[in-house]
Protein backbone atom coordinates (compact mmCIF):
# COMPACT_ATOMS: atom_id res chain seq x y z
CA MET A 1 73.50 87.88 81.83
CA SER A 2 72.48 87.59 78.19
CA ARG A 3 71.19 90.43 76.06
CA VAL A 4 67.66 88.98 76.05
CA GLN A 5 67.63 88.76 79.84
CA LEU A 6 68.83 92.35 80.09
CA VAL A 7 66.12 93.60 77.70
CA VAL A 8 63.40 91.69 79.58
CA LEU A 9 64.71 93.00 82.92
CA ILE A 10 64.72 96.61 81.74
CA THR A 11 61.27 96.27 80.15
CA SER A 12 59.87 94.66 83.31
CA LEU A 13 61.31 97.42 85.48
CA ILE A 14 59.85 100.11 83.22
CA VAL A 15 56.39 98.50 83.15
CA THR A 16 56.36 97.94 86.94
CA GLY A 17 57.58 101.49 87.53
CA PHE A 18 54.88 102.85 85.20
CA ILE A 19 52.15 100.97 87.10
CA VAL A 20 53.46 102.18 90.47
CA GLU A 21 53.59 105.76 89.16
CA GLN A 22 49.99 105.55 87.92
CA VAL A 23 48.90 104.35 91.36
CA ARG A 24 50.87 107.14 93.00
CA ARG A 25 49.16 109.75 90.79
CA ARG A 26 45.79 108.14 91.60
CA ARG A 27 45.09 107.34 87.95
CA LEU A 28 44.90 103.62 88.65
CA ALA A 29 43.21 102.06 91.67
CA VAL A 30 45.37 99.87 93.89
CA GLU A 31 43.10 96.83 93.55
CA TYR A 32 43.47 96.93 89.74
CA SER A 33 47.21 97.45 89.86
CA LEU A 34 48.09 94.51 92.10
CA ILE A 35 47.91 91.89 89.36
CA TRP A 36 50.06 94.06 87.07
CA ILE A 37 52.64 94.62 89.80
CA ILE A 38 52.72 90.88 90.55
CA ALA A 39 53.17 90.13 86.82
CA GLY A 40 55.97 92.69 86.59
CA MET A 41 57.73 91.24 89.62
CA GLY A 42 57.36 87.75 88.14
CA MET A 43 58.94 88.94 84.91
CA ILE A 44 61.80 90.51 86.88
CA VAL A 45 62.38 87.25 88.76
CA LEU A 46 62.28 85.20 85.57
CA SER A 47 64.68 87.57 83.83
CA LEU A 48 67.19 87.27 86.69
CA TRP A 49 66.80 83.48 87.12
CA LYS A 50 68.57 82.07 84.08
CA ASP A 51 66.94 78.63 83.97
CA GLY A 52 63.66 79.70 85.57
CA ILE A 53 61.44 79.34 82.52
CA GLU A 54 62.88 75.89 81.79
CA TYR A 55 62.19 74.86 85.40
CA ILE A 56 58.60 76.13 85.23
CA ALA A 57 58.10 74.41 81.86
CA ASP A 58 59.34 71.12 83.36
CA LEU A 59 56.90 71.50 86.27
CA MET A 60 54.03 72.01 83.82
CA GLY A 61 55.16 69.17 81.56
CA ILE A 62 55.89 71.43 78.60
CA TYR A 63 58.81 70.28 76.44
CA TYR A 64 59.45 73.59 74.65
CA ALA A 65 60.16 76.10 77.42
CA PRO A 66 59.13 79.32 75.60
CA SER A 67 55.64 77.84 75.24
CA ALA A 68 55.33 78.04 79.03
CA ILE A 69 55.41 81.83 78.73
CA PHE A 70 52.25 81.71 76.60
CA VAL A 71 50.55 79.43 79.12
CA ILE A 72 51.48 81.81 81.97
CA PHE A 73 50.18 84.83 80.03
CA GLY A 74 47.00 82.94 79.15
CA VAL A 75 46.36 82.22 82.82
CA MET A 76 47.08 85.86 83.69
CA ILE A 77 44.61 87.08 81.05
CA PHE A 78 42.01 84.63 82.33
CA VAL A 79 42.46 85.97 85.90
CA LEU A 80 42.15 89.55 84.61
CA CYS A 81 38.95 88.73 82.71
CA VAL A 82 37.37 87.09 85.75
CA HIS A 83 38.44 89.99 87.98
CA PHE A 84 37.02 92.61 85.62
CA SER A 85 33.81 90.60 85.16
CA LEU A 86 33.31 90.59 88.92
CA GLU A 87 33.94 94.34 89.08
CA ILE A 88 31.52 95.04 86.21
CA SER A 89 28.85 92.93 87.92
CA LYS A 90 29.31 94.83 91.18
CA LEU A 91 29.15 98.21 89.43
CA SER A 92 26.05 97.16 87.49
CA SER A 93 24.32 96.17 90.70
CA ASN A 94 25.31 99.45 92.36
CA ASN A 95 23.98 101.41 89.36
CA ARG A 96 20.65 99.61 89.56
CA VAL A 97 20.32 100.54 93.25
CA LEU A 98 21.26 104.16 92.54
CA VAL A 99 18.70 104.43 89.73
CA GLN A 100 16.01 103.10 92.05
CA ARG A 101 16.96 105.59 94.78
CA ILE A 102 16.95 108.49 92.31
CA ALA A 103 13.49 107.44 91.08
CA LEU A 104 12.20 107.44 94.66
CA LEU A 105 13.69 110.88 95.29
CA GLU A 106 12.18 112.23 92.05
CA ASP A 107 8.79 110.84 93.09
CA ASP A 108 9.11 112.56 96.48
CA LEU A 109 10.08 115.82 94.75
CA LYS A 110 7.09 115.57 92.39
CA LYS A 111 4.75 115.05 95.36
CA LEU A 112 6.34 117.99 97.09
CA GLU A 113 5.82 120.27 94.08
CA GLU A 114 2.22 119.12 93.60
CA ASN A 115 1.24 119.83 97.21
CA GLY A 116 2.85 123.25 97.24
CA GLY A 117 4.92 122.82 100.37
CA GLY A 118 2.24 121.55 102.79
CA PHE A 119 3.62 118.08 102.33
CA GLU A 120 7.21 119.31 102.74
CA SER A 121 7.55 118.95 106.49
CA GLU A 122 6.18 115.39 106.34
CA LEU A 123 8.70 114.39 103.66
CA ILE A 124 11.53 116.06 105.55
CA GLN A 125 10.75 114.11 108.69
CA GLN A 126 10.16 110.91 106.73
CA ASN A 127 13.41 111.06 104.74
CA GLY A 128 15.56 112.92 107.27
CA ILE A 129 16.55 115.56 104.72
CA SER A 130 16.35 119.33 105.18
CA ASN A 131 15.25 121.62 102.38
CA LEU A 132 18.92 122.33 101.66
CA GLY A 133 19.55 118.68 100.92
CA LYS A 134 21.55 118.12 104.12
CA PRO A 135 20.67 115.31 106.54
CA LEU A 136 18.91 116.40 109.71
CA ARG A 137 20.75 115.64 112.94
């Protein structure tokens, strides 16, 4: 094993271990860590497989094998960008729904305060919420 392979192997193990530790400490969600763990495992495999990058470069039709690494990282960054764009879109949609629900609750609270409590029992039955904020069962 060459010195470069050894350095890449150790670096890949450290990065993969760091990601797993962040998931274990609940600092990083599992769905966000999967692509990093897969990339780390791929780096480990490529560092152990001596002619792996040359083989992959031949499959892609790239004559200079180290250029294949840049293509692989470019694809990985593209996948990350698409994944995070989908997550941001989902969170934006959820935020919009939450803002609308808060506005409805604030409107109900304003009506409740204006009517001085006579309207309270109707709102409680309508929304299924007690005056302590707990759902009625």
